[in-house]
Amino acid sequence: MLMLVGRLAPSSMTAPFTPWARRSVNTSSPALQAMKLGTPIPGLDFMKNEDPPVALERSEYPDWVNDLDKPMITLAKLRRMREEDATDKEKMRYLKLTRRIQIKNNNADASS
């Protein structure tokens, strides 16, 4: 279990996680998401007097672009993970999610 102590650990780490504004991305079919080479990318043609950007070969994009379709690790999985096994990125995500819960709880308490 990822247990953080000290001033980084939020006081209400056991608060239930409620995803109010969860966004869903359909990543079940990568074939539907791939664009043919040279296809103009919709929504990015806002520059005047310039051609719209077009889809490139997969190898022409940076490596991090390929990671965008992978789902992020959930708070439940992070809570079950040992701190020694967690990467720095996973630790930061854990802190972000627990802080978000604490902020929402504080706002709910202040409004009632």
PDB file of N, CA and C in Angstrom:
ATOM      1  N   MET A   1       0.848  -1.168   0.000  1.00  0.00           N
ATOM      2  CA  MET A   1       0.000   0.000   0.000  1.00  0.00           C
ATOM      3  C   MET A   1       0.890   1.225   0.000  1.00  0.00           C
ATOM      4  N   LEU A   2       0.564   2.195  -0.807  1.00  0.00           N
ATOM      5  CA  LEU A   2       1.328   3.426  -0.917  1.00  0.00           C
ATOM      6  C   LEU A   2       0.929   4.332   0.227  1.00  0.00           C
ATOM      7  N   MET A   3       1.743   4.371   1.252  1.00  0.00           N
ATOM      8  CA  MET A   3       1.444   5.188   2.423  1.00  0.00           C
ATOM      9  C   MET A   3       2.493   6.286   2.523  1.00  0.00           C
ATOM     10  N   LEU A   4       2.039   7.510   2.458  1.00  0.00           N
ATOM     11  CA  LEU A   4       2.938   8.638   2.547  1.00  0.00           C
ATOM     12  C   LEU A   4       2.742   9.312   3.889  1.00  0.00           C
ATOM     13  N   VAL A   5       3.822   9.692   4.480  1.00  0.00           N
ATOM     14  CA  VAL A   5       3.743  10.355   5.772  1.00  0.00           C
ATOM     15  C   VAL A   5       4.411  11.707   5.672  1.00  0.00           C
ATOM     16  N   GLY A   6       4.156  12.539   6.644  1.00  0.00           N
ATOM     17  CA  GLY A   6       4.744  13.861   6.646  1.00  0.00           C
ATOM     18  C   GLY A   6       3.780  14.885   6.092  1.00  0.00           C
ATOM     19  N   ARG A   7       4.298  16.000   5.654  1.00  0.00           N
ATOM     20  CA  ARG A   7       3.415  17.081   5.231  1.00  0.00           C
ATOM     21  C   ARG A   7       2.833  16.884   3.841  1.00  0.00           C
ATOM     22  N   LEU A   8       3.327  15.922   3.058  1.00  0.00           N
ATOM     23  CA  LEU A   8       2.757  15.668   1.747  1.00  0.00           C
ATOM     24  C   LEU A   8       1.502  14.815   1.802  1.00  0.00           C
ATOM     25  N   ALA A   9       1.351  14.050   2.863  1.00  0.00           N
ATOM     26  CA  ALA A   9       0.203  13.159   2.968  1.00  0.00           C
ATOM     27  C   ALA A   9      -1.027  13.941   3.394  1.00  0.00           C
ATOM     28  N   PRO A  10      -2.127  13.862   2.621  1.00  0.00           N
ATOM     29  CA  PRO A  10      -3.347  14.547   3.007  1.00  0.00           C
ATOM     30  C   PRO A  10      -3.969  13.895   4.233  1.00  0.00           C
ATOM     31  N   SER A  11      -4.735  14.687   4.972  1.00  0.00           N
ATOM     32  CA  SER A  11      -5.295  14.180   6.216  1.00  0.00           C
ATOM     33  C   SER A  11      -6.440  13.202   5.995  1.00  0.00           C
ATOM     34  N   SER A  12      -7.123  13.298   4.857  1.00  0.00           N
ATOM     35  CA  SER A  12      -8.267  12.407   4.628  1.00  0.00           C
ATOM     36  C   SER A  12      -7.959  11.441   3.498  1.00  0.00           C
ATOM     37  N   MET A  13      -6.978  10.564   3.695  1.00  0.00           N
ATOM     38  CA  MET A  13      -6.576   9.634   2.650  1.00  0.00           C
ATOM     39  C   MET A  13      -7.585   8.502   2.477  1.00  0.00           C
ATOM     40  N   THR A  14      -8.465   8.320   3.421  1.00  0.00           N
ATOM     41  CA  THR A  14      -9.426   7.236   3.320  1.00  0.00           C
ATOM     42  C   THR A  14     -10.757   7.709   2.756  1.00  0.00           C
ATOM     43  N   ALA A  15     -10.830   8.944   2.285  1.00  0.00           N
ATOM     44  CA  ALA A  15     -12.082   9.468   1.741  1.00  0.00           C
ATOM     45  C   ALA A  15     -12.421   8.720   0.456  1.00  0.00           C
ATOM     46  N   PRO A  16     -13.703   8.485   0.208  1.00  0.00           N
ATOM     47  CA  PRO A  16     -14.096   7.782  -1.015  1.00  0.00           C
ATOM     48  C   PRO A  16     -13.846   8.648  -2.237  1.00  0.00           C
ATOM     49  N   PHE A  17     -13.416   8.020  -3.297  1.00  0.00           N
ATOM     50  CA  PHE A  17     -13.158   8.729  -4.546  1.00  0.00           C
ATOM     51  C   PHE A  17     -14.434   8.764  -5.373  1.00  0.00           C
ATOM     52  N   THR A  18     -14.870   9.954  -5.723  1.00  0.00           N
ATOM     53  CA  THR A  18     -16.079  10.111  -6.512  1.00  0.00           C
ATOM     54  C   THR A  18     -15.737  10.847  -7.803  1.00  0.00           C
ATOM     55  N   PRO A  19     -15.724  10.145  -8.924  1.00  0.00           N
ATOM     56  CA  PRO A  19     -15.359  10.790 -10.182  1.00  0.00           C
ATOM     57  C   PRO A  19     -16.544  11.565 -10.770  1.00  0.00           C
ATOM     58  N   TRP A  20     -16.692  12.838 -10.409  1.00  0.00           N
ATOM     59  CA  TRP A  20     -17.827  13.620 -10.878  1.00  0.00           C
ATOM     60  C   TRP A  20     -17.720  13.936 -12.353  1.00  0.00           C
ATOM     61  N   ALA A  21     -16.579  14.326 -12.787  1.00  0.00           N
ATOM     62  CA  ALA A  21     -16.432  14.749 -14.174  1.00  0.00           C
ATOM     63  C   ALA A  21     -15.456  13.831 -14.895  1.00  0.00           C
ATOM     64  N   ARG A  22     -15.784  12.582 -14.955  1.00  0.00           N
ATOM     65  CA  ARG A  22     -14.901  11.607 -15.602  1.00  0.00           C
ATOM     66  C   ARG A  22     -15.094  11.681 -17.115  1.00  0.00           C
ATOM     67  N   ARG A  23     -13.996  11.772 -17.824  1.00  0.00           N
ATOM     68  CA  ARG A  23     -14.042  11.773 -19.275  1.00  0.00           C
ATOM     69  C   ARG A  23     -13.739  10.367 -19.778  1.00  0.00           C
ATOM     70  N   SER A  24     -14.470   9.939 -20.763  1.00  0.00           N
ATOM     71  CA  SER A  24     -14.188   8.619 -21.304  1.00  0.00           C
ATOM     72  C   SER A  24     -13.697   8.756 -22.737  1.00  0.00           C
ATOM     73  N   VAL A  25     -12.705   7.965 -23.065  1.00  0.00           N
ATOM     74  CA  VAL A  25     -12.146   7.949 -24.398  1.00  0.00           C
ATOM     75  C   VAL A  25     -12.276   6.530 -24.913  1.00  0.00           C
ATOM     76  N   ASN A  26     -12.839   6.391 -26.086  1.00  0.00           N
ATOM     77  CA  ASN A  26     -13.016   5.071 -26.658  1.00  0.00           C
ATOM     78  C   ASN A  26     -11.701   4.619 -27.264  1.00  0.00           C
ATOM     79  N   THR A  27     -10.991   3.753 -26.569  1.00  0.00           N
ATOM     80  CA  THR A  27      -9.719   3.240 -27.073  1.00  0.00           C
ATOM     81  C   THR A  27      -9.815   1.764 -27.414  1.00  0.00           C
ATOM     82  N   SER A  28     -11.032   1.263 -27.579  1.00  0.00           N
ATOM     83  CA  SER A  28     -11.195  -0.164 -27.817  1.00  0.00           C
ATOM     84  C   SER A  28     -10.757  -0.575 -29.213  1.00  0.00           C
ATOM     85  N   SER A  29     -10.822   0.333 -30.168  1.00  0.00           N
ATOM     86  CA  SER A  29     -10.487  -0.025 -31.530  1.00  0.00           C
ATOM     87  C   SER A  29      -9.471   0.957 -32.105  1.00  0.00           C
ATOM     88  N   PRO A  30      -8.185   0.609 -32.060  1.00  0.00           N
ATOM     89  CA  PRO A  30      -7.189   1.523 -32.589  1.00  0.00           C
ATOM     90  C   PRO A  30      -7.329   1.762 -34.085  1.00  0.00           C
ATOM     91  N   ALA A  31      -7.934   0.824 -34.816  1.00  0.00           N
ATOM     92  CA  ALA A  31      -8.107   0.996 -36.255  1.00  0.00           C
ATOM     93  C   ALA A  31      -9.052   2.158 -36.550  1.00  0.00           C
ATOM     94  N   LEU A  32     -10.029   2.388 -35.686  1.00  0.00           N
ATOM     95  CA  LEU A  32     -10.952   3.499 -35.896  1.00  0.00           C
ATOM     96  C   LEU A  32     -10.293   4.840 -35.599  1.00  0.00           C
ATOM     97  N   GLN A  33      -9.266   4.856 -34.784  1.00  0.00           N
ATOM     98  CA  GLN A  33      -8.625   6.098 -34.411  1.00  0.00           C
ATOM     99  C   GLN A  33      -7.505   6.492 -35.361  1.00  0.00           C
ATOM    100  N   ALA A  34      -6.925   5.554 -36.051  1.00  0.00           N
ATOM    101  CA  ALA A  34      -5.817   5.865 -36.946  1.00  0.00           C
ATOM    102  C   ALA A  34      -6.323   6.637 -38.150  1.00  0.00           C
ATOM    103  N   MET A  35      -5.531   7.601 -38.556  1.00  0.00           N
ATOM    104  CA  MET A  35      -5.872   8.402 -39.731  1.00  0.00           C
ATOM    105  C   MET A  35      -4.917   8.038 -40.860  1.00  0.00           C
ATOM    106  N   LYS A  36      -5.393   8.130 -42.069  1.00  0.00           N
ATOM    107  CA  LYS A  36      -4.537   7.871 -43.214  1.00  0.00           C
ATOM    108  C   LYS A  36      -3.511   8.992 -43.331  1.00  0.00           C
ATOM    109  N   LEU A  37      -2.343   8.636 -43.833  1.00  0.00           N
ATOM    110  CA  LEU A  37      -1.284   9.620 -43.996  1.00  0.00           C
ATOM    111  C   LEU A  37      -1.751  10.751 -44.904  1.00  0.00           C
ATOM    112  N   GLY A  38      -1.440  11.966 -44.514  1.00  0.00           N
ATOM    113  CA  GLY A  38      -1.807  13.126 -45.319  1.00  0.00           C
ATOM    114  C   GLY A  38      -3.202  13.649 -45.074  1.00  0.00           C
ATOM    115  N   THR A  39      -3.981  13.009 -44.211  1.00  0.00           N
ATOM    116  CA  THR A  39      -5.335  13.469 -43.905  1.00  0.00           C
ATOM    117  C   THR A  39      -5.261  14.705 -43.015  1.00  0.00           C
ATOM    118  N   PRO A  40      -5.957  15.799 -43.385  1.00  0.00           N
ATOM    119  CA  PRO A  40      -5.962  16.978 -42.510  1.00  0.00           C
ATOM    120  C   PRO A  40      -6.595  16.630 -41.157  1.00  0.00           C
ATOM    121  N   ILE A  41      -5.988  17.130 -40.095  1.00  0.00           N
ATOM    122  CA  ILE A  41      -6.468  16.833 -38.750  1.00  0.00           C
ATOM    123  C   ILE A  41      -7.555  17.840 -38.392  1.00  0.00           C
ATOM    124  N   PRO A  42      -8.792  17.370 -38.127  1.00  0.00           N
ATOM    125  CA  PRO A  42      -9.888  18.296 -37.838  1.00  0.00           C
ATOM    126  C   PRO A  42      -9.661  19.040 -36.522  1.00  0.00           C
ATOM    127  N   GLY A  43     -10.035  20.296 -36.515  1.00  0.00           N
ATOM    128  CA  GLY A  43      -9.924  21.114 -35.316  1.00  0.00           C
ATOM    129  C   GLY A  43      -8.608  21.861 -35.216  1.00  0.00           C
ATOM    130  N   LEU A  44      -7.640  21.530 -36.050  1.00  0.00           N
ATOM    131  CA  LEU A  44      -6.350  22.206 -35.992  1.00  0.00           C
ATOM    132  C   LEU A  44      -6.122  23.131 -37.190  1.00  0.00           C
ATOM    133  N   ASP A  45      -7.159  23.389 -37.950  1.00  0.00           N
ATOM    134  CA  ASP A  45      -7.030  24.248 -39.128  1.00  0.00           C
ATOM    135  C   ASP A  45      -7.512  25.669 -38.833  1.00  0.00           C
ATOM    136  N   PHE A  46      -7.042  26.256 -37.742  1.00  0.00           N
ATOM    137  CA  PHE A  46      -7.499  27.569 -37.319  1.00  0.00           C
ATOM    138  C   PHE A  46      -6.562  28.700 -37.749  1.00  0.00           C
ATOM    139  N   MET A  47      -5.392  28.379 -38.286  1.00  0.00           N
ATOM    140  CA  MET A  47      -4.441  29.398 -38.703  1.00  0.00           C
ATOM    141  C   MET A  47      -4.805  29.936 -40.085  1.00  0.00           C
ATOM    142  N   LYS A  48      -4.865  31.265 -40.200  1.00  0.00           N
ATOM    143  CA  LYS A  48      -5.157  31.880 -41.487  1.00  0.00           C
ATOM    144  C   LYS A  48      -3.925  31.812 -42.381  1.00  0.00           C
ATOM    145  N   ASN A  49      -4.168  31.685 -43.642  1.00  0.00           N
ATOM    146  CA  ASN A  49      -3.112  31.681 -44.667  1.00  0.00           C
ATOM    147  C   ASN A  49      -2.098  30.558 -44.483  1.00  0.00           C
ATOM    148  N   GLU A  50      -2.470  29.476 -43.812  1.00  0.00           N
ATOM    149  CA  GLU A  50      -1.591  28.318 -43.670  1.00  0.00           C
ATOM    150  C   GLU A  50      -2.382  27.055 -43.943  1.00  0.00           C
ATOM    151  N   ASP A  51      -1.696  26.055 -44.453  1.00  0.00           N
ATOM    152  CA  ASP A  51      -2.331  24.766 -44.694  1.00  0.00           C
ATOM    153  C   ASP A  51      -2.610  24.089 -43.348  1.00  0.00           C
ATOM    154  N   PRO A  52      -3.716  23.342 -43.260  1.00  0.00           N
ATOM    155  CA  PRO A  52      -3.984  22.625 -41.999  1.00  0.00           C
ATOM    156  C   PRO A  52      -2.957  21.516 -41.799  1.00  0.00           C
ATOM    157  N   PRO A  53      -2.630  21.206 -40.539  1.00  0.00           N
ATOM    158  CA  PRO A  53      -1.684  20.102 -40.295  1.00  0.00           C
ATOM    159  C   PRO A  53      -2.292  18.773 -40.744  1.00  0.00           C
ATOM    160  N   VAL A  54      -1.434  17.899 -41.197  1.00  0.00           N
ATOM    161  CA  VAL A  54      -1.888  16.602 -41.699  1.00  0.00           C
ATOM    162  C   VAL A  54      -1.290  15.488 -40.846  1.00  0.00           C
ATOM    163  N   ALA A  55      -1.941  14.331 -40.888  1.00  0.00           N
ATOM    164  CA  ALA A  55      -1.462  13.160 -40.145  1.00  0.00           C
ATOM    165  C   ALA A  55      -0.153  12.669 -40.749  1.00  0.00           C
ATOM    166  N   LEU A  56       0.776  12.334 -39.867  1.00  0.00           N
ATOM    167  CA  LEU A  56       2.098  11.871 -40.290  1.00  0.00           C
ATOM    168  C   LEU A  56       2.264  10.387 -40.007  1.00  0.00           C
ATOM    169  N   GLU A  57       3.396   9.861 -40.415  1.00  0.00           N
ATOM    170  CA  GLU A  57       3.762   8.484 -40.096  1.00  0.00           C
ATOM    171  C   GLU A  57       3.928   8.372 -38.583  1.00  0.00           C
ATOM    172  N   ARG A  58       3.565   7.255 -37.980  1.00  0.00           N
ATOM    173  CA  ARG A  58       3.628   7.061 -36.530  1.00  0.00           C
ATOM    174  C   ARG A  58       5.045   7.298 -35.998  1.00  0.00           C
ATOM    175  N   SER A  59       6.043   6.933 -36.757  1.00  0.00           N
ATOM    176  CA  SER A  59       7.432   7.082 -36.310  1.00  0.00           C
ATOM    177  C   SER A  59       7.887   8.541 -36.301  1.00  0.00           C
ATOM    178  N   GLU A  60       7.164   9.441 -36.945  1.00  0.00           N
ATOM    179  CA  GLU A  60       7.550  10.854 -36.992  1.00  0.00           C
ATOM    180  C   GLU A  60       7.091  11.624 -35.753  1.00  0.00           C
ATOM    181  N   TYR A  61       6.267  11.000 -34.917  1.00  0.00           N
ATOM    182  CA  TYR A  61       5.802  11.644 -33.685  1.00  0.00           C
ATOM    183  C   TYR A  61       6.736  11.276 -32.536  1.00  0.00           C
ATOM    184  N   PRO A  62       6.802  12.126 -31.495  1.00  0.00           N
ATOM    185  CA  PRO A  62       7.619  11.763 -30.316  1.00  0.00           C
ATOM    186  C   PRO A  62       7.063  10.517 -29.628  1.00  0.00           C
ATOM    187  N   ASP A  63       7.904   9.874 -28.824  1.00  0.00           N
ATOM    188  CA  ASP A  63       7.519   8.628 -28.154  1.00  0.00           C
ATOM    189  C   ASP A  63       6.338   8.797 -27.217  1.00  0.00           C
ATOM    190  N   TRP A  64       6.225   9.948 -26.546  1.00  0.00           N
ATOM    191  CA  TRP A  64       5.169  10.139 -25.561  1.00  0.00           C
ATOM    192  C   TRP A  64       3.779  10.158 -26.198  1.00  0.00           C
ATOM    193  N   VAL A  65       3.689  10.419 -27.498  1.00  0.00           N
ATOM    194  CA  VAL A  65       2.384  10.443 -28.168  1.00  0.00           C
ATOM    195  C   VAL A  65       1.761   9.047 -28.149  1.00  0.00           C
ATOM    196  N   ASN A  66       2.586   8.013 -28.245  1.00  0.00           N
ATOM    197  CA  ASN A  66       2.071   6.646 -28.229  1.00  0.00           C
ATOM    198  C   ASN A  66       1.513   6.262 -26.867  1.00  0.00           C
ATOM    199  N   ASP A  67       1.912   6.955 -25.804  1.00  0.00           N
ATOM    200  CA  ASP A  67       1.431   6.647 -24.456  1.00  0.00           C
ATOM    201  C   ASP A  67       0.091   7.309 -24.146  1.00  0.00           C
ATOM    202  N   LEU A  68      -0.382   8.193 -24.998  1.00  0.00           N
ATOM    203  CA  LEU A  68      -1.617   8.927 -24.714  1.00  0.00           C
ATOM    204  C   LEU A  68      -2.855   8.040 -24.710  1.00  0.00           C
ATOM    205  N   ASP A  69      -2.829   6.935 -25.430  1.00  0.00           N
ATOM    206  CA  ASP A  69      -4.014   6.083 -25.484  1.00  0.00           C
ATOM    207  C   ASP A  69      -4.061   5.064 -24.339  1.00  0.00           C
ATOM    208  N   LYS A  70      -3.021   5.014 -23.511  1.00  0.00           N
ATOM    209  CA  LYS A  70      -3.014   4.084 -22.377  1.00  0.00           C
ATOM    210  C   LYS A  70      -3.766   4.719 -21.206  1.00  0.00           C
ATOM    211  N   PRO A  71      -4.659   3.979 -20.561  1.00  0.00           N
ATOM    212  CA  PRO A  71      -5.391   4.556 -19.428  1.00  0.00           C
ATOM    213  C   PRO A  71      -4.461   4.805 -18.244  1.00  0.00           C
ATOM    214  N   MET A  72      -4.755   5.873 -17.502  1.00  0.00           N
ATOM    215  CA  MET A  72      -3.944   6.197 -16.330  1.00  0.00           C
ATOM    216  C   MET A  72      -4.313   5.264 -15.183  1.00  0.00           C
ATOM    217  N   ILE A  73      -3.377   5.041 -14.289  1.00  0.00           N
ATOM    218  CA  ILE A  73      -3.587   4.143 -13.159  1.00  0.00           C
ATOM    219  C   ILE A  73      -4.593   4.771 -12.190  1.00  0.00           C
ATOM    220  N   THR A  74      -5.464   3.953 -11.657  1.00  0.00           N
ATOM    221  CA  THR A  74      -6.532   4.452 -10.788  1.00  0.00           C
ATOM    222  C   THR A  74      -6.044   4.621  -9.356  1.00  0.00           C
ATOM    223  N   LEU A  75      -6.804   5.383  -8.590  1.00  0.00           N
ATOM    224  CA  LEU A  75      -6.472   5.602  -7.190  1.00  0.00           C
ATOM    225  C   LEU A  75      -6.554   4.296  -6.406  1.00  0.00           C
ATOM    226  N   ALA A  76      -7.500   3.459  -6.732  1.00  0.00           N
ATOM    227  CA  ALA A  76      -7.626   2.172  -6.034  1.00  0.00           C
ATOM    228  C   ALA A  76      -6.369   1.327  -6.220  1.00  0.00           C
ATOM    229  N   LYS A  77      -5.837   1.288  -7.432  1.00  0.00           N
ATOM    230  CA  LYS A  77      -4.611   0.532  -7.675  1.00  0.00           C
ATOM    231  C   LYS A  77      -3.428   1.177  -6.978  1.00  0.00           C
ATOM    232  N   LEU A  78      -3.399   2.500  -6.953  1.00  0.00           N
ATOM    233  CA  LEU A  78      -2.309   3.192  -6.272  1.00  0.00           C
ATOM    234  C   LEU A  78      -2.332   2.942  -4.775  1.00  0.00           C
ATOM    235  N   ARG A  79      -3.529   2.860  -4.196  1.00  0.00           N
ATOM    236  CA  ARG A  79      -3.637   2.603  -2.762  1.00  0.00           C
ATOM    237  C   ARG A  79      -3.168   1.196  -2.397  1.00  0.00           C
ATOM    238  N   ARG A  80      -3.347   0.245  -3.303  1.00  0.00           N
ATOM    239  CA  ARG A  80      -2.905  -1.130  -3.047  1.00  0.00           C
ATOM    240  C   ARG A  80      -1.409  -1.301  -3.274  1.00  0.00           C
ATOM    241  N   MET A  81      -0.793  -0.365  -3.982  1.00  0.00           N
ATOM    242  CA  MET A  81       0.614  -0.474  -4.333  1.00  0.00           C
ATOM    243  C   MET A  81       1.510  -0.086  -3.152  1.00  0.00           C
ATOM    244  N   ARG A  82       2.615  -0.787  -3.006  1.00  0.00           N
ATOM    245  CA  ARG A  82       3.598  -0.419  -1.977  1.00  0.00           C
ATOM    246  C   ARG A  82       4.403   0.776  -2.461  1.00  0.00           C
ATOM    247  N   GLU A  83       4.806   1.642  -1.542  1.00  0.00           N
ATOM    248  CA  GLU A  83       5.526   2.846  -1.915  1.00  0.00           C
ATOM    249  C   GLU A  83       6.855   2.517  -2.594  1.00  0.00           C
ATOM    250  N   GLU A  84       7.503   1.459  -2.154  1.00  0.00           N
ATOM    251  CA  GLU A  84       8.786   1.088  -2.734  1.00  0.00           C
ATOM    252  C   GLU A  84       8.648   0.658  -4.195  1.00  0.00           C
ATOM    253  N   ASP A  85       7.483   0.131  -4.553  1.00  0.00           N
ATOM    254  CA  ASP A  85       7.260  -0.349  -5.910  1.00  0.00           C
ATOM    255  C   ASP A  85       6.777   0.746  -6.855  1.00  0.00           C
ATOM    256  N   ALA A  86       6.337   1.867  -6.320  1.00  0.00           N
ATOM    257  CA  ALA A  86       5.772   2.936  -7.136  1.00  0.00           C
ATOM    258  C   ALA A  86       6.869   3.798  -7.750  1.00  0.00           C
ATOM    259  N   THR A  87       6.642   4.209  -8.992  1.00  0.00           N
ATOM    260  CA  THR A  87       7.561   5.143  -9.641  1.00  0.00           C
ATOM    261  C   THR A  87       7.250   6.558  -9.153  1.00  0.00           C
ATOM    262  N   ASP A  88       8.114   7.492  -9.472  1.00  0.00           N
ATOM    263  CA  ASP A  88       7.870   8.879  -9.080  1.00  0.00           C
ATOM    264  C   ASP A  88       6.590   9.414  -9.719  1.00  0.00           C
ATOM    265  N   LYS A  89       6.346   9.028 -10.944  1.00  0.00           N
ATOM    266  CA  LYS A  89       5.137   9.472 -11.645  1.00  0.00           C
ATOM    267  C   LYS A  89       3.880   8.938 -10.944  1.00  0.00           C
ATOM    268  N   GLU A  90       3.929   7.683 -10.503  1.00  0.00           N
ATOM    269  CA  GLU A  90       2.791   7.100  -9.793  1.00  0.00           C
ATOM    270  C   GLU A  90       2.593   7.745  -8.432  1.00  0.00           C
ATOM    271  N   LYS A  91       3.681   8.093  -7.748  1.00  0.00           N
ATOM    272  CA  LYS A  91       3.565   8.784  -6.465  1.00  0.00           C
ATOM    273  C   LYS A  91       2.930  10.157  -6.636  1.00  0.00           C
ATOM    274  N   MET A  92       3.332  10.867  -7.680  1.00  0.00           N
ATOM    275  CA  MET A  92       2.757  12.189  -7.929  1.00  0.00           C
ATOM    276  C   MET A  92       1.276  12.079  -8.282  1.00  0.00           C
ATOM    277  N   ARG A  93       0.907  11.068  -9.041  1.00  0.00           N
ATOM    278  CA  ARG A  93      -0.509  10.872  -9.374  1.00  0.00           C
ATOM    279  C   ARG A  93      -1.319  10.560  -8.115  1.00  0.00           C
ATOM    280  N   TYR A  94      -0.750   9.747  -7.230  1.00  0.00           N
ATOM    281  CA  TYR A  94      -1.423   9.426  -5.974  1.00  0.00           C
ATOM    282  C   TYR A  94      -1.677  10.697  -5.170  1.00  0.00           C
ATOM    283  N   LEU A  95      -0.656  11.518  -5.040  1.00  0.00           N
ATOM    284  CA  LEU A  95      -0.812  12.766  -4.295  1.00  0.00           C
ATOM    285  C   LEU A  95      -1.837  13.689  -4.951  1.00  0.00           C
ATOM    286  N   LYS A  96      -1.808  13.758  -6.272  1.00  0.00           N
ATOM    287  CA  LYS A  96      -2.754  14.611  -6.992  1.00  0.00           C
ATOM    288  C   LYS A  96      -4.192  14.165  -6.739  1.00  0.00           C
ATOM    289  N   LEU A  97      -4.440  12.862  -6.843  1.00  0.00           N
ATOM    290  CA  LEU A  97      -5.798  12.355  -6.666  1.00  0.00           C
ATOM    291  C   LEU A  97      -6.284  12.497  -5.229  1.00  0.00           C
ATOM    292  N   THR A  98      -5.402  12.256  -4.262  1.00  0.00           N
ATOM    293  CA  THR A  98      -5.826  12.393  -2.863  1.00  0.00           C
ATOM    294  C   THR A  98      -6.036  13.850  -2.492  1.00  0.00           C
ATOM    295  N   ARG A  99      -5.217  14.750  -3.033  1.00  0.00           N
ATOM    296  CA  ARG A  99      -5.441  16.188  -2.792  1.00  0.00           C
ATOM    297  C   ARG A  99      -6.758  16.633  -3.393  1.00  0.00           C
ATOM    298  N   ARG A 100      -7.073  16.134  -4.581  1.00  0.00           N
ATOM    299  CA  ARG A 100      -8.325  16.492  -5.237  1.00  0.00           C
ATOM    300  C   ARG A 100      -9.521  16.073  -4.383  1.00  0.00           C
ATOM    301  N   ILE A 101      -9.451  14.878  -3.805  1.00  0.00           N
ATOM    302  CA  ILE A 101     -10.515  14.397  -2.925  1.00  0.00           C
ATOM    303  C   ILE A 101     -10.635  15.298  -1.709  1.00  0.00           C
ATOM    304  N   GLN A 102      -9.499  15.648  -1.129  1.00  0.00           N
ATOM    305  CA  GLN A 102      -9.512  16.498   0.057  1.00  0.00           C
ATOM    306  C   GLN A 102     -10.114  17.871  -0.259  1.00  0.00           C
ATOM    307  N   ILE A 103      -9.776  18.439  -1.395  1.00  0.00           N
ATOM    308  CA  ILE A 103     -10.328  19.735  -1.795  1.00  0.00           C
ATOM    309  C   ILE A 103     -11.837  19.637  -1.984  1.00  0.00           C
ATOM    310  N   LYS A 104     -12.302  18.580  -2.645  1.00  0.00           N
ATOM    311  CA  LYS A 104     -13.745  18.412  -2.862  1.00  0.00           C
ATOM    312  C   LYS A 104     -14.477  18.221  -1.549  1.00  0.00           C
ATOM    313  N   ASN A 105     -13.891  17.461  -0.622  1.00  0.00           N
ATOM    314  CA  ASN A 105     -14.507  17.282   0.694  1.00  0.00           C
ATOM    315  C   ASN A 105     -14.553  18.593   1.466  1.00  0.00           C
ATOM    316  N   ASN A 106     -13.462  19.363   1.413  1.00  0.00           N
ATOM    317  CA  ASN A 106     -13.443  20.657   2.104  1.00  0.00           C
ATOM    318  C   ASN A 106     -14.480  21.604   1.516  1.00  0.00           C
ATOM    319  N   ASN A 107     -14.622  21.602   0.195  1.00  0.00           N
ATOM    320  CA  ASN A 107     -15.616  22.465  -0.443  1.00  0.00           C
ATOM    321  C   ASN A 107     -17.042  22.031  -0.080  1.00  0.00           C
ATOM    322  N   ALA A 108     -17.250  20.726  -0.006  1.00  0.00           N
ATOM    323  CA  ALA A 108     -18.589  20.232   0.359  1.00  0.00           C
ATOM    324  C   ALA A 108     -18.912  20.598   1.817  1.00  0.00           C
ATOM    325  N   ASP A 109     -17.915  20.513   2.702  1.00  0.00           N
ATOM    326  CA  ASP A 109     -18.125  20.883   4.096  1.00  0.00           C
ATOM    327  C   ASP A 109     -18.385  22.373   4.233  1.00  0.00           C
ATOM    328  N   ALA A 110     -17.709  23.191   3.452  1.00  0.00           N
ATOM    329  CA  ALA A 110     -17.863  24.645   3.541  1.00  0.00           C
ATOM    330  C   ALA A 110     -19.219  25.103   3.012  1.00  0.00           C
ATOM    331  N   SER A 111     -19.751  24.382   2.025  1.00  0.00           N
ATOM    332  CA  SER A 111     -21.021  24.783   1.438  1.00  0.00           C
ATOM    333  C   SER A 111     -22.221  24.333   2.279  1.00  0.00           C
ATOM    334  N   SER A 112     -22.027  23.391   3.171  1.00  0.00           N
ATOM    335  CA  SER A 112     -23.162  22.900   3.960  1.00  0.00           C
ATOM    336  C   SER A 112     -23.238  23.557   5.318  1.00  0.00           C
TER     337      SER A 112
END
